[in-house]
Amino acid sequence: MRFTAVVCGALALAGTVAHADGGTASDLCQSALRKAALPEAVALCSRAVDANPADARALTHRGGAFLALAQFERAYEDLARSAALDGGNPLTFYNLGVYFDKTKNPEKAVEAYSTAIRLSPGNPVGYYNRAKAYERLCRSGEALRDYQKIREIAPGMASARAIPTSVEACSSD
């Protein structure tokens, strides 16, 4: 879908940009991201950020698109800025966890996923990714606790992903 929305005006209270189709620029970039239209998502999110540099949602979504495009430094810039603007969005911290995983920093990944879990404790994907990061750090007990939590809060996911009941011992060499 081509970006055809026309800026109608700013909504004073929310500070978002309204478009002719009724969605905000952040909504449009999120929609493109969900469709995996990554270049379009980057362009739409960039327009949202240009219109409102404090649009933390658009920064989070653009950061997610940059992650998917393996543009890690650009992703980090957007996600860190979004976290500074709005420390309450679990998706921002989940995406930061992915960034730290991709850039081989499992300690920071655990921190970011832990924040995402604190903000959205019912989301099993954060537990799953944190468990994988714990495994990379040879912290088997913590990984197993996260896998158990997934079985408790999302039994459907647990069966679909074959959540481990044990973790191989590793060495930190």
N, C-alpha and C. Protein backbone atom coordinates (compact mmCIF):
# COMPACT_ATOMS: atom_id res chain seq x y z
N MET A 1 0.85 -1.18 0.00
CA MET A 1 0.00 0.00 0.00
C MET A 1 0.89 1.24 0.00
N ARG A 2 0.65 2.14 -0.89
CA ARG A 2 1.43 3.37 -1.00
C ARG A 2 0.95 4.35 0.07
N PHE A 3 1.89 5.16 0.51
CA PHE A 3 1.54 6.18 1.48
C PHE A 3 0.81 7.30 0.74
N THR A 4 -0.51 7.41 0.97
CA THR A 4 -1.31 8.43 0.29
C THR A 4 -2.01 9.35 1.28
N ALA A 5 -1.73 9.13 2.55
CA ALA A 5 -2.41 9.93 3.56
C ALA A 5 -1.93 11.38 3.49
N VAL A 6 -2.82 12.29 3.78
CA VAL A 6 -2.52 13.71 3.79
C VAL A 6 -2.63 14.21 5.22
N VAL A 7 -1.63 14.96 5.63
CA VAL A 7 -1.67 15.48 6.99
C VAL A 7 -2.81 16.48 7.11
N CYS A 8 -3.74 16.20 8.03
CA CYS A 8 -4.89 17.07 8.24
C CYS A 8 -4.61 18.09 9.33
N GLY A 9 -3.82 17.71 10.29
CA GLY A 9 -3.52 18.61 11.40
C GLY A 9 -3.00 17.82 12.57
N ALA A 10 -2.53 18.50 13.56
CA ALA A 10 -2.02 17.82 14.75
C ALA A 10 -3.10 17.77 15.81
N LEU A 11 -3.16 16.65 16.49
CA LEU A 11 -4.07 16.54 17.63
C LEU A 11 -3.33 17.09 18.84
N ALA A 12 -3.76 18.21 19.33
CA ALA A 12 -3.01 18.94 20.35
C ALA A 12 -2.70 18.12 21.59
N LEU A 13 -3.65 17.37 22.10
CA LEU A 13 -3.41 16.65 23.35
C LEU A 13 -2.45 15.48 23.17
N ALA A 14 -2.63 14.71 22.12
CA ALA A 14 -1.81 13.52 21.93
C ALA A 14 -0.52 13.83 21.20
N GLY A 15 -0.48 14.93 20.48
CA GLY A 15 0.72 15.28 19.74
C GLY A 15 0.96 14.37 18.55
N THR A 16 -0.11 13.74 18.03
CA THR A 16 0.04 12.87 16.88
C THR A 16 -0.42 13.59 15.63
N VAL A 17 0.00 13.08 14.49
CA VAL A 17 -0.39 13.67 13.22
C VAL A 17 -1.55 12.87 12.66
N ALA A 18 -2.68 13.53 12.37
CA ALA A 18 -3.84 12.84 11.81
C ALA A 18 -3.72 12.81 10.30
N HIS A 19 -4.22 11.73 9.72
CA HIS A 19 -4.18 11.56 8.27
C HIS A 19 -5.59 11.41 7.74
N ALA A 20 -5.73 11.61 6.45
CA ALA A 20 -7.04 11.59 5.80
C ALA A 20 -7.78 10.28 6.03
N ASP A 21 -7.06 9.17 6.15
CA ASP A 21 -7.75 7.89 6.33
C ASP A 21 -8.11 7.63 7.79
N GLY A 22 -7.85 8.58 8.67
CA GLY A 22 -8.23 8.46 10.07
C GLY A 22 -7.14 7.91 10.96
N GLY A 23 -6.08 7.34 10.38
CA GLY A 23 -5.00 6.81 11.20
C GLY A 23 -3.93 7.84 11.44
N THR A 24 -3.14 7.62 12.46
CA THR A 24 -2.00 8.50 12.70
C THR A 24 -0.83 7.98 11.89
N ALA A 25 0.18 8.79 11.75
CA ALA A 25 1.38 8.36 11.05
C ALA A 25 1.98 7.14 11.75
N SER A 26 1.93 7.12 13.09
CA SER A 26 2.43 5.96 13.84
C SER A 26 1.62 4.71 13.51
N ASP A 27 0.30 4.87 13.40
CA ASP A 27 -0.55 3.73 13.04
C ASP A 27 -0.19 3.19 11.67
N LEU A 28 0.03 4.10 10.73
CA LEU A 28 0.35 3.69 9.36
C LEU A 28 1.70 2.98 9.31
N CYS A 29 2.69 3.47 10.05
CA CYS A 29 3.99 2.82 10.01
C CYS A 29 3.91 1.46 10.71
N GLN A 30 3.12 1.36 11.77
CA GLN A 30 2.94 0.07 12.44
C GLN A 30 2.26 -0.92 11.51
N SER A 31 1.28 -0.47 10.77
CA SER A 31 0.58 -1.33 9.82
C SER A 31 1.55 -1.86 8.76
N ALA A 32 2.39 -0.99 8.22
CA ALA A 32 3.37 -1.42 7.22
C ALA A 32 4.36 -2.41 7.82
N LEU A 33 4.75 -2.19 9.07
CA LEU A 33 5.68 -3.09 9.73
C LEU A 33 5.05 -4.47 9.90
N ARG A 34 3.78 -4.51 10.29
CA ARG A 34 3.10 -5.79 10.46
C ARG A 34 2.98 -6.56 9.15
N LYS A 35 2.93 -5.84 8.05
CA LYS A 35 2.87 -6.48 6.73
C LYS A 35 4.25 -6.83 6.21
N ALA A 36 5.27 -6.54 7.00
CA ALA A 36 6.67 -6.77 6.62
C ALA A 36 7.06 -5.96 5.40
N ALA A 37 6.41 -4.83 5.21
CA ALA A 37 6.78 -3.89 4.16
C ALA A 37 7.81 -2.95 4.77
N LEU A 38 9.02 -3.45 4.94
CA LEU A 38 10.02 -2.76 5.75
C LEU A 38 10.45 -1.41 5.21
N PRO A 39 10.78 -1.27 3.92
CA PRO A 39 11.15 0.07 3.44
C PRO A 39 9.99 1.07 3.60
N GLU A 40 8.77 0.60 3.36
CA GLU A 40 7.60 1.46 3.54
C GLU A 40 7.43 1.84 5.01
N ALA A 41 7.65 0.87 5.90
CA ALA A 41 7.54 1.15 7.33
C ALA A 41 8.56 2.20 7.75
N VAL A 42 9.79 2.07 7.27
CA VAL A 42 10.83 3.06 7.60
C VAL A 42 10.39 4.43 7.10
N ALA A 43 9.91 4.51 5.87
CA ALA A 43 9.50 5.80 5.31
C ALA A 43 8.33 6.39 6.09
N LEU A 44 7.33 5.59 6.40
CA LEU A 44 6.17 6.09 7.14
C LEU A 44 6.54 6.51 8.56
N CYS A 45 7.35 5.69 9.21
CA CYS A 45 7.78 6.04 10.57
C CYS A 45 8.64 7.29 10.56
N SER A 46 9.47 7.42 9.54
CA SER A 46 10.31 8.62 9.43
C SER A 46 9.45 9.86 9.27
N ARG A 47 8.40 9.75 8.50
CA ARG A 47 7.48 10.89 8.37
C ARG A 47 6.83 11.23 9.70
N ALA A 48 6.46 10.21 10.45
CA ALA A 48 5.86 10.44 11.76
C ALA A 48 6.85 11.13 12.69
N VAL A 49 8.10 10.67 12.67
CA VAL A 49 9.14 11.27 13.54
C VAL A 49 9.47 12.68 13.07
N ASP A 50 9.49 12.90 11.76
CA ASP A 50 9.73 14.25 11.24
C ASP A 50 8.63 15.21 11.71
N ALA A 51 7.40 14.72 11.71
CA ALA A 51 6.28 15.56 12.13
C ALA A 51 6.28 15.78 13.64
N ASN A 52 6.74 14.77 14.39
CA ASN A 52 6.77 14.87 15.84
C ASN A 52 7.99 14.10 16.35
N PRO A 53 9.11 14.79 16.57
CA PRO A 53 10.33 14.12 17.01
C PRO A 53 10.19 13.38 18.35
N ALA A 54 9.14 13.66 19.10
CA ALA A 54 8.91 12.98 20.38
C ALA A 54 7.91 11.83 20.24
N ASP A 55 7.66 11.35 19.04
CA ASP A 55 6.74 10.24 18.81
C ASP A 55 7.46 8.93 19.12
N ALA A 56 7.39 8.53 20.38
CA ALA A 56 8.11 7.34 20.83
C ALA A 56 7.61 6.08 20.12
N ARG A 57 6.32 6.00 19.86
CA ARG A 57 5.78 4.83 19.15
C ARG A 57 6.40 4.69 17.77
N ALA A 58 6.46 5.78 17.04
CA ALA A 58 7.03 5.73 15.69
C ALA A 58 8.51 5.37 15.76
N LEU A 59 9.22 5.88 16.76
CA LEU A 59 10.63 5.52 16.92
C LEU A 59 10.79 4.03 17.20
N THR A 60 9.91 3.49 18.04
CA THR A 60 9.96 2.06 18.35
C THR A 60 9.70 1.23 17.09
N HIS A 61 8.69 1.62 16.33
CA HIS A 61 8.36 0.86 15.11
C HIS A 61 9.46 0.99 14.06
N ARG A 62 10.00 2.19 13.90
CA ARG A 62 11.09 2.35 12.94
C ARG A 62 12.31 1.55 13.39
N GLY A 63 12.58 1.57 14.70
CA GLY A 63 13.67 0.75 15.23
C GLY A 63 13.46 -0.72 14.93
N GLY A 64 12.22 -1.19 15.06
CA GLY A 64 11.91 -2.59 14.72
C GLY A 64 12.14 -2.88 13.25
N ALA A 65 11.77 -1.95 12.39
CA ALA A 65 12.02 -2.13 10.95
C ALA A 65 13.52 -2.16 10.67
N PHE A 66 14.27 -1.27 11.31
CA PHE A 66 15.72 -1.28 11.12
C PHE A 66 16.33 -2.59 11.61
N LEU A 67 15.81 -3.15 12.72
CA LEU A 67 16.29 -4.45 13.18
C LEU A 67 16.08 -5.50 12.11
N ALA A 68 14.87 -5.53 11.55
CA ALA A 68 14.55 -6.53 10.53
C ALA A 68 15.40 -6.35 9.28
N LEU A 69 15.83 -5.14 9.03
CA LEU A 69 16.70 -4.85 7.89
C LEU A 69 18.19 -5.01 8.23
N ALA A 70 18.47 -5.45 9.46
CA ALA A 70 19.84 -5.63 9.95
C ALA A 70 20.64 -4.33 9.94
N GLN A 71 19.96 -3.23 10.13
CA GLN A 71 20.61 -1.92 10.28
C GLN A 71 20.65 -1.61 11.78
N PHE A 72 21.54 -2.33 12.46
CA PHE A 72 21.51 -2.38 13.91
C PHE A 72 21.80 -1.05 14.59
N GLU A 73 22.75 -0.30 14.10
CA GLU A 73 23.07 0.97 14.76
C GLU A 73 21.90 1.95 14.65
N ARG A 74 21.28 1.99 13.50
CA ARG A 74 20.11 2.87 13.33
C ARG A 74 18.98 2.40 14.23
N ALA A 75 18.82 1.09 14.34
CA ALA A 75 17.79 0.53 15.23
C ALA A 75 18.04 0.98 16.66
N TYR A 76 19.29 0.84 17.11
CA TYR A 76 19.60 1.20 18.48
C TYR A 76 19.35 2.69 18.75
N GLU A 77 19.73 3.52 17.82
CA GLU A 77 19.50 4.97 17.99
C GLU A 77 18.03 5.26 18.23
N ASP A 78 17.15 4.69 17.41
CA ASP A 78 15.72 4.92 17.55
C ASP A 78 15.18 4.33 18.84
N LEU A 79 15.59 3.11 19.15
CA LEU A 79 15.04 2.43 20.33
C LEU A 79 15.51 3.10 21.63
N ALA A 80 16.75 3.50 21.68
CA ALA A 80 17.24 4.19 22.88
C ALA A 80 16.52 5.53 23.05
N ARG A 81 16.32 6.22 21.96
CA ARG A 81 15.60 7.51 22.02
C ARG A 81 14.15 7.29 22.46
N SER A 82 13.52 6.26 21.94
CA SER A 82 12.14 5.94 22.32
C SER A 82 12.06 5.60 23.81
N ALA A 83 13.00 4.80 24.29
CA ALA A 83 13.01 4.43 25.71
C ALA A 83 13.17 5.65 26.60
N ALA A 84 13.98 6.62 26.16
CA ALA A 84 14.17 7.85 26.94
C ALA A 84 12.89 8.69 26.94
N LEU A 85 12.14 8.65 25.84
CA LEU A 85 10.90 9.43 25.75
C LEU A 85 9.75 8.76 26.49
N ASP A 86 9.68 7.43 26.41
CA ASP A 86 8.56 6.69 27.00
C ASP A 86 9.09 5.37 27.54
N GLY A 87 9.42 5.36 28.80
CA GLY A 87 9.96 4.16 29.43
C GLY A 87 8.92 3.11 29.76
N GLY A 88 7.69 3.28 29.29
CA GLY A 88 6.63 2.35 29.63
C GLY A 88 6.14 1.47 28.50
N ASN A 89 6.83 1.48 27.37
CA ASN A 89 6.39 0.68 26.23
C ASN A 89 7.18 -0.63 26.20
N PRO A 90 6.53 -1.76 26.49
CA PRO A 90 7.28 -3.02 26.51
C PRO A 90 7.89 -3.38 25.16
N LEU A 91 7.25 -2.99 24.06
CA LEU A 91 7.79 -3.31 22.74
C LEU A 91 9.16 -2.66 22.52
N THR A 92 9.33 -1.46 23.04
CA THR A 92 10.62 -0.78 22.92
C THR A 92 11.71 -1.63 23.56
N PHE A 93 11.44 -2.12 24.76
CA PHE A 93 12.46 -2.88 25.48
C PHE A 93 12.63 -4.28 24.91
N TYR A 94 11.55 -4.86 24.40
CA TYR A 94 11.67 -6.14 23.70
C TYR A 94 12.59 -5.97 22.49
N ASN A 95 12.35 -4.92 21.70
CA ASN A 95 13.19 -4.67 20.52
C ASN A 95 14.64 -4.38 20.91
N LEU A 96 14.83 -3.68 22.04
CA LEU A 96 16.20 -3.47 22.51
C LEU A 96 16.85 -4.82 22.86
N GLY A 97 16.08 -5.72 23.45
CA GLY A 97 16.60 -7.06 23.73
C GLY A 97 17.03 -7.76 22.45
N VAL A 98 16.20 -7.67 21.42
CA VAL A 98 16.55 -8.27 20.13
C VAL A 98 17.84 -7.63 19.60
N TYR A 99 17.92 -6.31 19.69
CA TYR A 99 19.13 -5.62 19.24
C TYR A 99 20.36 -6.18 19.97
N PHE A 100 20.28 -6.28 21.30
CA PHE A 100 21.44 -6.76 22.05
C PHE A 100 21.74 -8.23 21.73
N ASP A 101 20.70 -9.04 21.47
CA ASP A 101 20.94 -10.41 21.02
C ASP A 101 21.70 -10.41 19.70
N LYS A 102 21.23 -9.63 18.76
CA LYS A 102 21.83 -9.60 17.43
C LYS A 102 23.26 -9.07 17.44
N THR A 103 23.56 -8.20 18.41
CA THR A 103 24.91 -7.63 18.49
C THR A 103 25.76 -8.33 19.55
N LYS A 104 25.33 -9.53 19.93
CA LYS A 104 26.10 -10.42 20.81
C LYS A 104 26.39 -9.83 22.19
N ASN A 105 25.37 -9.27 22.82
CA ASN A 105 25.50 -8.74 24.16
C ASN A 105 24.37 -9.33 25.03
N PRO A 106 24.50 -10.62 25.40
CA PRO A 106 23.40 -11.27 26.12
C PRO A 106 23.10 -10.66 27.49
N GLU A 107 24.10 -10.09 28.16
CA GLU A 107 23.83 -9.46 29.45
C GLU A 107 22.84 -8.31 29.30
N LYS A 108 23.10 -7.46 28.31
CA LYS A 108 22.19 -6.33 28.05
C LYS A 108 20.85 -6.82 27.53
N ALA A 109 20.86 -7.91 26.75
CA ALA A 109 19.61 -8.48 26.26
C ALA A 109 18.73 -8.91 27.44
N VAL A 110 19.34 -9.57 28.42
CA VAL A 110 18.59 -10.00 29.62
C VAL A 110 17.98 -8.78 30.31
N GLU A 111 18.75 -7.71 30.45
CA GLU A 111 18.23 -6.49 31.09
C GLU A 111 17.04 -5.93 30.32
N ALA A 112 17.16 -5.84 29.01
CA ALA A 112 16.09 -5.28 28.20
C ALA A 112 14.85 -6.17 28.24
N TYR A 113 15.04 -7.49 28.08
CA TYR A 113 13.88 -8.39 28.14
C TYR A 113 13.24 -8.35 29.52
N SER A 114 14.04 -8.21 30.57
CA SER A 114 13.49 -8.14 31.93
C SER A 114 12.60 -6.91 32.09
N THR A 115 13.01 -5.80 31.51
CA THR A 115 12.18 -4.59 31.55
C THR A 115 10.89 -4.82 30.76
N ALA A 116 11.00 -5.43 29.59
CA ALA A 116 9.80 -5.72 28.79
C ALA A 116 8.84 -6.62 29.58
N ILE A 117 9.37 -7.61 30.27
CA ILE A 117 8.55 -8.53 31.07
C ILE A 117 7.91 -7.80 32.23
N ARG A 118 8.66 -6.92 32.87
CA ARG A 118 8.09 -6.14 33.99
C ARG A 118 6.91 -5.30 33.50
N LEU A 119 7.03 -4.76 32.29
CA LEU A 119 5.98 -3.91 31.74
C LEU A 119 4.81 -4.71 31.16
N SER A 120 5.06 -5.94 30.75
CA SER A 120 4.02 -6.79 30.16
C SER A 120 4.26 -8.23 30.59
N PRO A 121 3.94 -8.55 31.86
CA PRO A 121 4.28 -9.86 32.41
C PRO A 121 3.52 -11.04 31.79
N GLY A 122 2.48 -10.79 31.05
CA GLY A 122 1.73 -11.87 30.42
C GLY A 122 2.19 -12.22 29.02
N ASN A 123 3.27 -11.60 28.54
CA ASN A 123 3.73 -11.84 27.19
C ASN A 123 4.82 -12.93 27.21
N PRO A 124 4.50 -14.12 26.70
CA PRO A 124 5.46 -15.22 26.80
C PRO A 124 6.70 -15.06 25.91
N VAL A 125 6.62 -14.25 24.87
CA VAL A 125 7.75 -14.12 23.96
C VAL A 125 8.95 -13.47 24.66
N GLY A 126 8.69 -12.53 25.53
CA GLY A 126 9.78 -11.93 26.30
C GLY A 126 10.48 -12.95 27.17
N TYR A 127 9.68 -13.83 27.81
CA TYR A 127 10.28 -14.89 28.63
C TYR A 127 11.11 -15.84 27.77
N TYR A 128 10.59 -16.18 26.60
CA TYR A 128 11.31 -17.09 25.72
C TYR A 128 12.65 -16.50 25.29
N ASN A 129 12.64 -15.27 24.85
CA ASN A 129 13.90 -14.66 24.41
C ASN A 129 14.86 -14.46 25.56
N ARG A 130 14.33 -14.10 26.74
CA ARG A 130 15.22 -13.95 27.89
C ARG A 130 15.82 -15.30 28.27
N ALA A 131 15.02 -16.38 28.19
CA ALA A 131 15.55 -17.71 28.50
C ALA A 131 16.69 -18.06 27.56
N LYS A 132 16.53 -17.75 26.28
CA LYS A 132 17.61 -18.02 25.31
C LYS A 132 18.86 -17.21 25.65
N ALA A 133 18.68 -15.96 26.07
CA ALA A 133 19.83 -15.14 26.46
C ALA A 133 20.48 -15.71 27.72
N TYR A 134 19.67 -16.17 28.69
CA TYR A 134 20.22 -16.81 29.88
C TYR A 134 21.04 -18.04 29.49
N GLU A 135 20.56 -18.82 28.53
CA GLU A 135 21.31 -20.00 28.09
C GLU A 135 22.67 -19.59 27.54
N ARG A 136 22.70 -18.52 26.74
CA ARG A 136 23.97 -18.06 26.19
C ARG A 136 24.94 -17.61 27.29
N LEU A 137 24.37 -17.22 28.42
CA LEU A 137 25.20 -16.80 29.57
C LEU A 137 25.49 -17.96 30.53
N CYS A 138 25.06 -19.17 30.16
CA CYS A 138 25.24 -20.36 31.01
C CYS A 138 24.51 -20.22 32.34
N ARG A 139 23.39 -19.54 32.33
CA ARG A 139 22.57 -19.37 33.53
C ARG A 139 21.33 -20.27 33.38
N SER A 140 21.58 -21.57 33.46
CA SER A 140 20.57 -22.58 33.17
C SER A 140 19.36 -22.50 34.09
N GLY A 141 19.57 -22.29 35.37
CA GLY A 141 18.46 -22.23 36.31
C GLY A 141 17.48 -21.12 35.96
N GLU A 142 18.02 -19.96 35.62
CA GLU A 142 17.15 -18.84 35.25
C GLU A 142 16.43 -19.11 33.93
N ALA A 143 17.12 -19.74 33.00
CA ALA A 143 16.49 -20.10 31.72
C ALA A 143 15.33 -21.06 31.98
N LEU A 144 15.56 -22.06 32.81
CA LEU A 144 14.50 -23.02 33.10
C LEU A 144 13.30 -22.37 33.78
N ARG A 145 13.54 -21.40 34.66
CA ARG A 145 12.42 -20.68 35.31
C ARG A 145 11.59 -19.94 34.27
N ASP A 146 12.26 -19.33 33.29
CA ASP A 146 11.51 -18.63 32.24
C ASP A 146 10.73 -19.62 31.38
N TYR A 147 11.33 -20.75 31.05
CA TYR A 147 10.60 -21.75 30.27
C TYR A 147 9.38 -22.26 31.04
N GLN A 148 9.54 -22.46 32.35
CA GLN A 148 8.41 -22.89 33.18
C GLN A 148 7.32 -21.82 33.18
N LYS A 149 7.70 -20.57 33.25
CA LYS A 149 6.72 -19.47 33.25
C LYS A 149 5.92 -19.49 31.94
N ILE A 150 6.59 -19.77 30.83
CA ILE A 150 5.89 -19.85 29.54
C ILE A 150 4.84 -20.96 29.60
N ARG A 151 5.20 -22.11 30.15
CA ARG A 151 4.24 -23.21 30.25
C ARG A 151 3.04 -22.81 31.10
N GLU A 152 3.26 -21.98 32.11
CA GLU A 152 2.16 -21.54 32.98
C GLU A 152 1.25 -20.53 32.30
N ILE A 153 1.84 -19.53 31.63
CA ILE A 153 1.02 -18.43 31.10
C ILE A 153 0.57 -18.64 29.67
N ALA A 154 1.24 -19.52 28.94
CA ALA A 154 0.89 -19.72 27.53
C ALA A 154 1.10 -21.17 27.12
N PRO A 155 0.26 -22.06 27.63
CA PRO A 155 0.46 -23.47 27.31
C PRO A 155 0.43 -23.76 25.81
N GLY A 156 -0.33 -22.99 25.05
CA GLY A 156 -0.37 -23.19 23.61
C GLY A 156 0.98 -22.90 22.97
N MET A 157 1.63 -21.84 23.42
CA MET A 157 2.95 -21.51 22.89
C MET A 157 3.95 -22.58 23.31
N ALA A 158 3.82 -23.04 24.55
CA ALA A 158 4.75 -24.04 25.05
C ALA A 158 4.73 -25.30 24.19
N SER A 159 3.55 -25.73 23.78
CA SER A 159 3.48 -26.94 22.96
C SER A 159 3.90 -26.65 21.52
N ALA A 160 3.59 -25.46 21.03
CA ALA A 160 3.94 -25.12 19.65
C ALA A 160 5.44 -24.96 19.46
N ARG A 161 6.13 -24.47 20.46
CA ARG A 161 7.58 -24.21 20.33
C ARG A 161 8.44 -25.27 21.00
N ALA A 162 7.84 -26.31 21.54
CA ALA A 162 8.61 -27.33 22.25
C ALA A 162 9.54 -26.68 23.28
N ILE A 163 8.95 -26.02 24.24
CA ILE A 163 9.71 -25.36 25.30
C ILE A 163 10.48 -26.41 26.09
N PRO A 164 11.77 -26.23 26.25
CA PRO A 164 12.58 -27.24 26.95
C PRO A 164 12.18 -27.42 28.41
N THR A 165 12.37 -28.64 28.90
CA THR A 165 12.19 -28.92 30.32
C THR A 165 13.55 -29.06 30.99
N SER A 166 14.61 -29.08 30.19
CA SER A 166 15.96 -29.09 30.74
C SER A 166 16.86 -28.32 29.77
N VAL A 167 17.95 -27.86 30.32
CA VAL A 167 18.92 -27.09 29.52
C VAL A 167 20.27 -27.76 29.71
N GLU A 168 20.97 -27.95 28.60
CA GLU A 168 22.29 -28.56 28.69
C GLU A 168 23.25 -27.66 29.45
N ALA A 169 24.07 -28.30 30.25
CA ALA A 169 25.10 -27.53 30.96
C ALA A 169 26.08 -26.99 29.92
N CYS A 170 26.61 -25.84 30.23
CA CYS A 170 27.57 -25.24 29.30
C CYS A 170 28.74 -24.68 30.09
N SER A 171 29.76 -24.35 29.38
CA SER A 171 30.90 -23.69 30.03
C SER A 171 30.98 -22.29 29.44
N SER A 172 31.46 -21.36 30.21
CA SER A 172 31.52 -19.97 29.77
C SER A 172 32.84 -19.67 29.07
N ASP A 173 33.51 -20.71 28.55
CA ASP A 173 34.78 -20.49 27.83
C ASP A 173 34.59 -19.68 26.61
